[in-house]
C-alpha atoms as a PDB file:
ATOM      1  CA  MET A   1       0.000   0.000   0.000  1.00  0.00           C
ATOM      2  CA  LYS A   2       1.122   3.570  -0.596  1.00  0.00           C
ATOM      3  CA  THR A   3       2.717   5.151   2.448  1.00  0.00           C
ATOM      4  CA  ILE A   4       0.319   7.611   4.053  1.00  0.00           C
ATOM      5  CA  LYS A   5       1.866   9.859   6.714  1.00  0.00           C
ATOM      6  CA  PHE A   6      -0.845  12.394   7.395  1.00  0.00           C
ATOM      7  CA  LEU A   7      -2.621  10.982  10.390  1.00  0.00           C
ATOM      8  CA  ALA A   8      -1.017  11.941  13.667  1.00  0.00           C
ATOM      9  CA  ALA A   9      -2.473  15.459  13.656  1.00  0.00           C
ATOM     10  CA  SER A  10      -5.950  14.350  12.695  1.00  0.00           C
ATOM     11  CA  ALA A  11      -6.797  13.518  16.316  1.00  0.00           C
ATOM     12  CA  LEU A  12      -6.581  17.204  17.155  1.00  0.00           C
ATOM     13  CA  VAL A  13      -8.790  18.064  14.208  1.00  0.00           C
ATOM     14  CA  LEU A  14     -11.378  15.533  15.301  1.00  0.00           C
ATOM     15  CA  MET A  15     -11.410  16.737  18.898  1.00  0.00           C
ATOM     16  CA  ALA A  16     -11.565  20.393  17.892  1.00  0.00           C
ATOM     17  CA  ALA A  17     -14.444  19.738  15.519  1.00  0.00           C
ATOM     18  CA  ALA A  18     -16.409  17.503  17.867  1.00  0.00           C
ATOM     19  CA  SER A  19     -19.322  19.930  17.906  1.00  0.00           C
ATOM     20  CA  CYS A  20     -19.795  19.283  14.187  1.00  0.00           C
ATOM     21  CA  GLN A  21     -19.540  15.525  14.368  1.00  0.00           C
ATOM     22  CA  LYS A  22     -22.193  12.898  14.722  1.00  0.00           C
ATOM     23  CA  VAL A  23     -22.297  11.587  18.284  1.00  0.00           C
ATOM     24  CA  THR A  24     -24.079   8.499  19.523  1.00  0.00           C
ATOM     25  CA  SER A  25     -26.429   8.700  22.469  1.00  0.00           C
ATOM     26  CA  SER A  26     -24.763   7.940  25.800  1.00  0.00           C
ATOM     27  CA  GLN A  27     -27.670   5.620  26.539  1.00  0.00           C
ATOM     28  CA  ASP A  28     -27.017   3.640  23.368  1.00  0.00           C
ATOM     29  CA  MET A  29     -23.301   3.315  24.193  1.00  0.00           C
ATOM     30  CA  ASP A  30     -23.579   2.590  27.930  1.00  0.00           C
ATOM     31  CA  ASN A  31     -20.286   1.145  29.239  1.00  0.00           C
ATOM     32  CA  GLU A  32     -18.799   1.395  25.749  1.00  0.00           C
ATOM     33  CA  TYR A  33     -16.513   3.822  23.975  1.00  0.00           C
ATOM     34  CA  LEU A  34     -17.831   7.100  22.659  1.00  0.00           C
ATOM     35  CA  VAL A  35     -17.813   7.239  18.869  1.00  0.00           C
ATOM     36  CA  TYR A  36     -17.394  10.364  16.731  1.00  0.00           C
ATOM     37  CA  THR A  37     -17.516  10.347  12.939  1.00  0.00           C
ATOM     38  CA  SER A  38     -16.997  13.154  10.472  1.00  0.00           C
ATOM     39  CA  PRO A  39     -17.322  13.117   6.663  1.00  0.00           C
ATOM     40  CA  SER A  40     -15.651  15.635   4.416  1.00  0.00           C
ATOM     41  CA  LYS A  41     -17.977  18.279   3.059  1.00  0.00           C
ATOM     42  CA  ASP A  42     -19.071  18.074  -0.570  1.00  0.00           C
ATOM     43  CA  VAL A  43     -17.587  14.592  -1.093  1.00  0.00           C
ATOM     44  CA  ASP A  44     -19.766  11.827  -2.487  1.00  0.00           C
ATOM     45  CA  LEU A  45     -18.403   8.690  -0.849  1.00  0.00           C
ATOM     46  CA  SER A  46     -20.630   6.457  -2.936  1.00  0.00           C
ATOM     47  CA  LYS A  47     -18.618   7.194  -6.099  1.00  0.00           C
ATOM     48  CA  TYR A  48     -15.560   5.264  -4.885  1.00  0.00           C
ATOM     49  CA  MET A  49     -15.187   1.561  -5.617  1.00  0.00           C
ATOM     50  CA  THR A  50     -11.885   0.279  -4.217  1.00  0.00           C
ATOM     51  CA  PHE A  51      -9.902   0.751  -1.006  1.00  0.00           C
ATOM     52  CA  ASP A  52      -6.689  -0.252   0.685  1.00  0.00           C
ATOM     53  CA  ILE A  53      -5.878  -0.225   4.393  1.00  0.00           C
ATOM     54  CA  ALA A  54      -2.511  -0.069   6.132  1.00  0.00           C
ATOM     55  CA  ASP A  55      -1.463  -3.534   7.274  1.00  0.00           C
ATOM     56  CA  SER A  56       0.011  -2.195  10.550  1.00  0.00           C
ATOM     57  CA  LEU A  57      -1.510  -0.273  13.425  1.00  0.00           C
ATOM     58  CA  LEU A  58       0.257   2.912  14.462  1.00  0.00           C
ATOM     59  CA  VAL A  59       0.574   2.827  18.269  1.00  0.00           C
ATOM     60  CA  ILE A  60       1.211   6.021  20.230  1.00  0.00           C
ATOM     61  CA  GLY A  61       1.720   6.265  23.988  1.00  0.00           C
ATOM     62  CA  GLU A  62       2.631   2.712  24.968  1.00  0.00           C
ATOM     63  CA  LYS A  63       6.344   3.351  24.508  1.00  0.00           C
ATOM     64  CA  ASP A  64       8.593   6.389  24.353  1.00  0.00           C
ATOM     65  CA  LYS A  65       8.264   6.520  20.576  1.00  0.00           C
ATOM     66  CA  PRO A  66       5.367   5.639  18.244  1.00  0.00           C
ATOM     67  CA  TYR A  67       5.681   2.307  16.503  1.00  0.00           C
ATOM     68  CA  TYR A  68       3.785   0.108  14.059  1.00  0.00           C
ATOM     69  CA  SER A  69       2.252  -3.125  15.295  1.00  0.00           C
ATOM     70  CA  GLN A  70       1.005  -6.279  13.591  1.00  0.00           C
ATOM     71  CA  SER A  71      -0.010  -8.069  16.779  1.00  0.00           C
ATOM     72  CA  ASN A  72      -3.198 -10.105  16.891  1.00  0.00           C
ATOM     73  CA  ASN A  73      -4.972  -7.233  18.638  1.00  0.00           C
ATOM     74  CA  ALA A  74      -3.761  -4.744  16.043  1.00  0.00           C
ATOM     75  CA  LEU A  75      -4.833  -6.945  13.150  1.00  0.00           C
ATOM     76  CA  ALA A  76      -8.250  -7.494  14.750  1.00  0.00           C
ATOM     77  CA  LEU A  77      -8.871  -3.739  14.773  1.00  0.00           C
ATOM     78  CA  ILE A  78      -7.678  -3.345  11.193  1.00  0.00           C
ATOM     79  CA  GLN A  79      -9.898  -6.243  10.150  1.00  0.00           C
ATOM     80  CA  ALA A  80     -12.917  -4.558  11.757  1.00  0.00           C
ATOM     81  CA  PHE A  81     -12.548  -1.614   9.379  1.00  0.00           C
ATOM     82  CA  ARG A  82     -11.939  -3.833   6.371  1.00  0.00           C
ATOM     83  CA  THR A  83     -15.017  -5.954   7.110  1.00  0.00           C
ATOM     84  CA  ASN A  84     -17.257  -2.915   7.457  1.00  0.00           C
ATOM     85  CA  MET A  85     -15.936  -1.415   4.219  1.00  0.00           C
ATOM     86  CA  GLU A  86     -16.575  -4.644   2.339  1.00  0.00           C
ATOM     87  CA  ASN A  87     -20.055  -4.879   3.846  1.00  0.00           C
ATOM     88  CA  ARG A  88     -20.690  -1.428   2.364  1.00  0.00           C
ATOM     89  CA  GLY A  89     -19.812  -2.657  -1.100  1.00  0.00           C
ATOM     90  CA  TYR A  90     -16.244  -1.388  -1.401  1.00  0.00           C
ATOM     91  CA  ILE A  91     -13.662  -3.726  -2.951  1.00  0.00           C
ATOM     92  CA  TYR A  92     -10.511  -4.438  -0.959  1.00  0.00           C
ATOM     93  CA  THR A  93      -7.461  -4.113  -3.214  1.00  0.00           C
ATOM     94  CA  PRO A  94      -4.328  -4.589  -1.062  1.00  0.00           C
ATOM     95  CA  SER A  95      -1.123  -3.013  -2.365  1.00  0.00           C
ATOM     96  CA  ASN A  96      -2.903  -1.988  -5.541  1.00  0.00           C
ATOM     97  CA  PRO A  97      -1.639   1.341  -6.900  1.00  0.00           C
ATOM     98  CA  ASP A  98      -5.074   2.011  -8.340  1.00  0.00           C
ATOM     99  CA  ALA A  99      -6.925   1.874  -5.001  1.00  0.00           C
ATOM    100  CA  GLN A 100      -9.200   4.908  -4.711  1.00  0.00           C
ATOM    101  CA  LEU A 101      -9.452   5.093  -0.917  1.00  0.00           C
ATOM    102  CA  GLY A 102      -6.774   4.579   1.723  1.00  0.00           C
ATOM    103  CA  ILE A 103      -7.318   3.964   5.436  1.00  0.00           C
ATOM    104  CA  GLN A 104      -4.831   4.335   8.291  1.00  0.00           C
ATOM    105  CA  VAL A 105      -5.736   3.310  11.845  1.00  0.00           C
ATOM    106  CA  THR A 106      -3.980   4.718  14.919  1.00  0.00           C
ATOM    107  CA  PHE A 107      -4.197   3.547  18.544  1.00  0.00           C
ATOM    108  CA  ILE A 108      -3.416   6.076  21.280  1.00  0.00           C
ATOM    109  CA  GLN A 109      -2.984   5.312  24.976  1.00  0.00           C
ATOM    110  CA  GLU A 110      -2.473   7.875  27.708  1.00  0.00           C
ATOM    111  CA  THR A 111      -2.029   7.411  31.454  1.00  0.00           C
ATOM    112  CA  GLN A 112      -2.388  10.351  33.811  1.00  0.00           C
ATOM    113  CA  ARG A 113      -0.980  10.149  37.339  1.00  0.00           C
ATOM    114  CA  TYR A 114      -2.359  12.462  39.995  1.00  0.00           C
ATOM    115  CA  VAL A 115      -0.707  13.226  43.333  1.00  0.00           C
ATOM    116  CA  GLN A 116      -2.273  15.389  46.038  1.00  0.00           C
ATOM    117  CA  TYR A 117      -0.818  16.077  49.483  1.00  0.00           C
ATOM    118  CA  ASN A 118      -3.164  16.351  52.436  1.00  0.00           C
ATOM    119  CA  THR A 119      -2.337  18.013  55.749  1.00  0.00           C
ATOM    120  CA  ASP A 120      -5.831  17.721  57.207  1.00  0.00           C
ATOM    121  CA  PRO A 121      -6.130  14.566  59.353  1.00  0.00           C
ATOM    122  CA  TYR A 122      -9.809  14.433  58.529  1.00  0.00           C
ATOM    123  CA  TRP A 123      -9.183  13.620  54.872  1.00  0.00           C
ATOM    124  CA  TRP A 124     -12.609  12.032  54.514  1.00  0.00           C
ATOM    125  CA  LEU A 125     -14.560  15.231  55.197  1.00  0.00           C
ATOM    126  CA  GLY A 126     -16.912  16.036  52.367  1.00  0.00           C
ATOM    127  CA  TYR A 127     -17.310  12.417  51.250  1.00  0.00           C
ATOM    128  CA  PRO A 128     -20.901  11.199  51.717  1.00  0.00           C
ATOM    129  CA  GLY A 129     -21.298   8.212  54.028  1.00  0.00           C
ATOM    130  CA  TYR A 130     -18.160   8.859  56.105  1.00  0.00           C
ATOM    131  CA  TRP A 131     -18.297   9.576  59.837  1.00  0.00           C
ATOM    132  CA  PRO A 132     -17.737  13.113  61.127  1.00  0.00           C
ATOM    133  CA  SER A 133     -14.415  14.070  62.691  1.00  0.00           C
ATOM    134  CA  GLY A 134     -15.921  14.068  66.203  1.00  0.00           C
ATOM    135  CA  TYR A 135     -16.720  10.369  66.017  1.00  0.00           C
ATOM    136  CA  TRP A 136     -13.242   9.413  67.227  1.00  0.00           C
ATOM    137  CA  GLY A 137     -12.590  12.618  69.091  1.00  0.00           C
ATOM    138  CA  ASN A 138     -11.320  15.904  67.769  1.00  0.00           C
ATOM    139  CA  TRP A 139      -7.549  15.580  67.522  1.00  0.00           C
ATOM    140  CA  THR A 140      -5.616  18.748  67.157  1.00  0.00           C
ATOM    141  CA  GLY A 141      -2.113  19.665  66.194  1.00  0.00           C
ATOM    142  CA  TRP A 142       0.069  19.391  63.113  1.00  0.00           C
ATOM    143  CA  TYR A 143      -0.047  16.319  60.921  1.00  0.00           C
ATOM    144  CA  TYR A 144       2.640  15.242  58.492  1.00  0.00           C
ATOM    145  CA  PRO A 145       1.402  15.700  54.919  1.00  0.00           C
ATOM    146  CA  TYR A 146       0.697  12.447  53.128  1.00  0.00           C
ATOM    147  CA  PRO A 147       0.150  11.875  49.400  1.00  0.00           C
ATOM    148  CA  VAL A 148      -3.013  10.540  47.822  1.00  0.00           C
ATOM    149  CA  THR A 149      -2.213   9.170  44.370  1.00  0.00           C
ATOM    150  CA  TYR A 150      -4.147   7.519  41.589  1.00  0.00           C
ATOM    151  CA  THR A 151      -3.760   6.876  37.885  1.00  0.00           C
ATOM    152  CA  TYR A 152      -6.264   7.142  35.066  1.00  0.00           C
ATOM    153  CA  THR A 153      -5.734   5.510  31.667  1.00  0.00           C
ATOM    154  CA  THR A 154      -7.642   6.246  28.483  1.00  0.00           C
ATOM    155  CA  ASN A 155      -7.212   4.910  24.998  1.00  0.00           C
ATOM    156  CA  ALA A 156      -8.499   5.893  21.597  1.00  0.00           C
ATOM    157  CA  LEU A 157      -8.718   4.503  18.091  1.00  0.00           C
ATOM    158  CA  ILE A 158      -8.494   6.959  15.224  1.00  0.00           C
ATOM    159  CA  ALA A 159      -9.143   6.140  11.584  1.00  0.00           C
ATOM    160  CA  ASP A 160      -8.636   8.456   8.633  1.00  0.00           C
ATOM    161  CA  MET A 161      -9.816   7.686   5.132  1.00  0.00           C
ATOM    162  CA  VAL A 162      -8.213   9.585   2.269  1.00  0.00           C
ATOM    163  CA  ASP A 163      -8.894  10.022  -1.417  1.00  0.00           C
ATOM    164  CA  LEU A 164      -6.000   8.374  -3.263  1.00  0.00           C
ATOM    165  CA  THR A 165      -7.146   9.270  -6.759  1.00  0.00           C
ATOM    166  CA  PRO A 166      -4.696  12.218  -7.044  1.00  0.00           C
ATOM    167  CA  VAL A 167      -1.908   9.645  -6.659  1.00  0.00           C
ATOM    168  CA  VAL A 168      -3.482   7.376  -9.250  1.00  0.00           C
ATOM    169  CA  THR A 169      -3.864  10.202 -11.758  1.00  0.00           C
ATOM    170  CA  ALA A 170      -1.191  12.491 -13.149  1.00  0.00           C
ATOM    171  CA  ASP A 171      -1.935  15.091 -10.458  1.00  0.00           C
ATOM    172  CA  ALA A 172       0.249  13.372  -7.869  1.00  0.00           C
ATOM    173  CA  SER A 173       1.353  16.697  -6.385  1.00  0.00           C
ATOM    174  CA  LYS A 174      -2.146  17.407  -5.098  1.00  0.00           C
ATOM    175  CA  PRO A 175      -2.472  16.942  -1.288  1.00  0.00           C
ATOM    176  CA  LEU A 176      -4.472  13.931  -0.169  1.00  0.00           C
ATOM    177  CA  THR A 177      -7.925  14.815   1.108  1.00  0.00           C
ATOM    178  CA  ILE A 178      -9.356  13.200   4.231  1.00  0.00           C
ATOM    179  CA  VAL A 179     -12.874  12.197   3.210  1.00  0.00           C
ATOM    180  CA  TRP A 180     -13.946  10.484   6.435  1.00  0.00           C
ATOM    181  CA  SER A 181     -12.634  10.273   9.994  1.00  0.00           C
ATOM    182  CA  SER A 182     -13.653   8.422  13.114  1.00  0.00           C
ATOM    183  CA  TYR A 183     -12.597   8.857  16.724  1.00  0.00           C
ATOM    184  CA  ILE A 184     -13.296   6.122  19.279  1.00  0.00           C
ATOM    185  CA  GLY A 185     -12.208   6.736  22.852  1.00  0.00           C
ATOM    186  CA  GLY A 186     -12.832   6.388  26.544  1.00  0.00           C
ATOM    187  CA  PRO A 187     -11.509   4.907  29.791  1.00  0.00           C
ATOM    188  CA  ALA A 188      -9.328   1.822  29.440  1.00  0.00           C
ATOM    189  CA  SER A 189     -10.088  -1.351  31.335  1.00  0.00           C
ATOM    190  CA  SER A 190      -7.597  -3.646  33.036  1.00  0.00           C
ATOM    191  CA  SER A 191      -7.564  -5.948  30.003  1.00  0.00           C
ATOM    192  CA  ILE A 192      -6.316  -4.914  26.563  1.00  0.00           C
ATOM    193  CA  TYR A 193      -8.219  -7.887  25.111  1.00  0.00           C
ATOM    194  CA  ASN A 194     -11.496  -6.540  26.488  1.00  0.00           C
ATOM    195  CA  ASP A 195     -10.660  -3.074  25.185  1.00  0.00           C
ATOM    196  CA  VAL A 196     -10.051  -4.460  21.715  1.00  0.00           C
ATOM    197  CA  GLN A 197     -13.423  -6.222  21.758  1.00  0.00           C
ATOM    198  CA  ARG A 198     -15.116  -3.000  22.850  1.00  0.00           C
ATOM    199  CA  MET A 199     -13.313  -1.111  20.102  1.00  0.00           C
ATOM    200  CA  ARG A 200     -14.429  -3.607  17.472  1.00  0.00           C
ATOM    201  CA  LEU A 201     -18.027  -2.981  18.485  1.00  0.00           C
ATOM    202  CA  ALA A 202     -17.334   0.754  18.382  1.00  0.00           C
ATOM    203  CA  VAL A 203     -15.975   0.438  14.826  1.00  0.00           C
ATOM    204  CA  ASN A 204     -19.273  -1.164  13.820  1.00  0.00           C
ATOM    205  CA  GLN A 205     -21.058   1.761  15.463  1.00  0.00           C
ATOM    206  CA  ALA A 206     -18.908   4.246  13.542  1.00  0.00           C
ATOM    207  CA  PHE A 207     -20.101   2.782  10.252  1.00  0.00           C
ATOM    208  CA  GLU A 208     -23.680   2.435  11.472  1.00  0.00           C
ATOM    209  CA  GLN A 209     -23.850   6.156  12.162  1.00  0.00           C
ATOM    210  CA  SER A 210     -22.306   6.885   8.743  1.00  0.00           C
ATOM    211  CA  PRO A 211     -24.998   5.691   6.299  1.00  0.00           C
ATOM    212  CA  TYR A 212     -23.516   7.875   3.555  1.00  0.00           C
ATOM    213  CA  LEU A 213     -20.403   5.660   3.577  1.00  0.00           C
ATOM    214  CA  LYS A 214     -21.657   3.153   1.016  1.00  0.00           C
ATOM    215  CA  ARG A 215     -20.670   2.322  -2.534  1.00  0.00           C
ATOM    216  CA  ALA A 216     -23.281   3.030  -5.183  1.00  0.00           C
ATOM    217  CA  GLU A 217     -24.699  -0.087  -6.802  1.00  0.00           C
END
């Protein structure tokens, strides 16, 4: 497949344009990832016939530097996009220079660590259901500050679909146009396998809420 290196910044575009994107109901996606999809304006996606998809998943955040993965989990996510495209009538043409659409999928993981120091011995004050400070007696005096720490991990799956026809035609100098994007994200669980299964369902949802993404018969 043609090398497509345009995707890392698209996450910012998707997040900045969230108000313009289709969003599923939180009730419909209870305990699942939130799914955002955005088509390019004035682009008829039904006119395309063939597509290619990168055979590796770009992974950002798991290591110091981004890397490409072909693990079973990575391939399962790539396959989810391929299956949905084929179900919409598009023809998968791997490594074909005449493919009209190209898809790159990126996985992003981020872990935030929070540390807060408390000097108040009654650290539980303000939490419903906890006893008042007078329950054990009102101690006074200085207390050594102690840290309260916790971590919070989120992950996201970003897919960008571009029009490859400028590469196929003589106008190869024309920038590639992103014709469709999807952003899938939310809190990570303790199991990457479970997260992958949730993301596969979210990929199906991304196509379900994009009825315009279908090849003309």
